């Protein structure tokens, strides 16, 4: 039996997804951002409640972060005068280290 909270999250996810798709298809792509973000947030929350899908919560969280960054890029531009563009190279070096032994 599916718990009521999962049914509610699934219904909200479907509503947000259909609303975002409808807005995008009607030419209002700039206004579908909140619905896309809500879709991925509700998807991640719904996956947390399922034992089979629990391993995909991180993937849904990454998709949520990417959708927020795509629709609201100004939020990730600077913070208290510090521009985040200066962090691109150091973060790339930390996240994807080069294995010198291979070369």
Protein backbone atom coordinates (compact mmCIF):
# COMPACT_ATOMS: atom_id res chain seq x y z
CA UNK A 1 0.00 0.00 0.00
CA UNK A 2 1.29 3.43 -0.93
CA UNK A 3 1.45 5.88 2.00
CA UNK A 4 -0.68 9.02 1.70
CA UNK A 5 2.39 11.26 1.79
CA UNK A 6 3.82 9.50 -1.28
CA UNK A 7 0.51 9.92 -3.09
CA UNK A 8 0.46 13.63 -2.25
CA UNK A 9 4.08 14.11 -3.36
CA UNK A 10 3.39 12.18 -6.56
CA UNK A 11 0.32 14.27 -7.33
CA UNK A 12 2.22 17.50 -6.68
CA UNK A 13 5.11 16.30 -8.83
CA UNK A 14 2.78 15.43 -11.68
CA UNK A 15 0.99 18.78 -11.39
CA UNK A 16 4.26 20.72 -11.39
CA UNK A 17 5.61 18.69 -14.32
CA UNK A 18 2.50 19.09 -16.44
CA UNK A 19 2.30 22.80 -15.65
CA UNK A 20 5.95 23.33 -16.61
CA UNK A 21 5.52 21.35 -19.83
CA UNK A 22 2.33 23.23 -20.69
CA UNK A 23 3.93 26.61 -20.13
CA UNK A 24 6.97 25.64 -22.18
CA UNK A 25 4.86 24.29 -25.06
CA UNK A 26 2.71 27.44 -25.09
CA UNK A 27 5.77 29.66 -25.44
CA UNK A 28 6.09 30.79 -21.83
CA UNK A 29 9.36 28.99 -21.13
CA UNK A 30 10.70 31.84 -19.02
CA UNK A 31 7.83 31.38 -16.56
CA UNK A 32 8.12 27.63 -16.05
CA UNK A 33 11.19 27.83 -13.75
CA UNK A 34 9.41 27.50 -10.39
CA UNK A 35 7.43 24.52 -11.65
CA UNK A 36 10.53 22.73 -12.96
CA UNK A 37 12.32 23.28 -9.65
CA UNK A 38 9.24 22.13 -7.72
CA UNK A 39 9.04 19.03 -9.93
CA UNK A 40 12.59 17.98 -9.11
CA UNK A 41 12.28 18.82 -5.39
CA UNK A 42 9.10 16.75 -5.12
CA UNK A 43 10.71 13.98 -7.15
CA UNK A 44 13.64 13.81 -4.71
CA UNK A 45 11.30 13.83 -1.71
CA UNK A 46 9.14 11.12 -3.24
CA UNK A 47 12.20 8.98 -3.97
CA UNK A 48 13.28 9.20 -0.33
CA UNK A 49 10.12 7.38 0.67
CA UNK A 50 10.69 4.44 -1.66
CA UNK A 51 13.16 1.69 -0.82
CA UNK A 52 13.73 0.93 -4.51
CA UNK A 53 14.35 4.54 -5.54
CA UNK A 54 16.26 5.75 -2.48
CA UNK A 55 19.60 5.36 -4.27
CA UNK A 56 18.50 7.93 -6.89
CA UNK A 57 17.83 10.76 -4.41
CA UNK A 58 21.28 12.26 -5.01
CA UNK A 59 20.66 12.28 -8.78
CA UNK A 60 17.34 14.06 -8.29
CA UNK A 61 19.05 16.56 -5.96
CA UNK A 62 21.70 17.29 -8.59
CA UNK A 63 18.98 17.81 -11.20
CA UNK A 64 17.24 20.16 -8.76
CA UNK A 65 20.45 22.17 -8.31
CA UNK A 66 21.04 22.33 -12.06
CA UNK A 67 17.49 23.50 -12.74
CA UNK A 68 17.81 26.22 -10.09
CA UNK A 69 21.10 27.34 -11.64
CA UNK A 70 19.61 27.38 -15.15
CA UNK A 71 16.50 29.36 -14.26
CA UNK A 72 18.04 31.67 -11.64
CA UNK A 73 21.70 32.28 -12.63
CA UNK A 74 21.88 35.64 -10.82
CA UNK A 75 21.68 33.82 -7.48
CA UNK A 76 24.98 32.10 -8.22
CA UNK A 77 26.83 35.14 -9.58
CA UNK A 78 28.36 36.70 -6.49
CA UNK A 79 28.07 36.73 -2.74
CA UNK A 80 28.90 39.80 -0.66
CA UNK A 81 30.98 41.19 -3.51
CA UNK A 82 32.93 37.96 -4.15
CA UNK A 83 32.43 36.67 -7.69
CA UNK A 84 32.03 32.91 -7.92
CA UNK A 85 33.73 32.79 -11.32
CA UNK A 86 37.05 32.79 -9.46
CA UNK A 87 36.18 29.39 -7.98
CA UNK A 88 35.76 27.56 -11.30
CA UNK A 89 39.38 26.52 -11.76
CA UNK A 90 40.08 25.52 -8.11
CA UNK A 91 36.85 23.55 -7.87
CA UNK A 92 37.58 21.79 -11.15
CA UNK A 93 41.01 20.85 -9.83
CA UNK A 94 39.51 19.50 -6.62
CA UNK A 95 36.59 17.63 -8.19
CA UNK A 96 38.41 16.11 -11.16
CA UNK A 97 42.00 15.47 -10.18
CA UNK A 98 44.48 14.49 -12.88
CA UNK A 99 46.10 11.15 -12.26
CA UNK A 100 49.75 11.74 -13.14
CA UNK A 101 50.58 8.01 -12.87
CA UNK A 102 48.46 7.25 -15.93
CA UNK A 103 50.58 9.51 -18.15
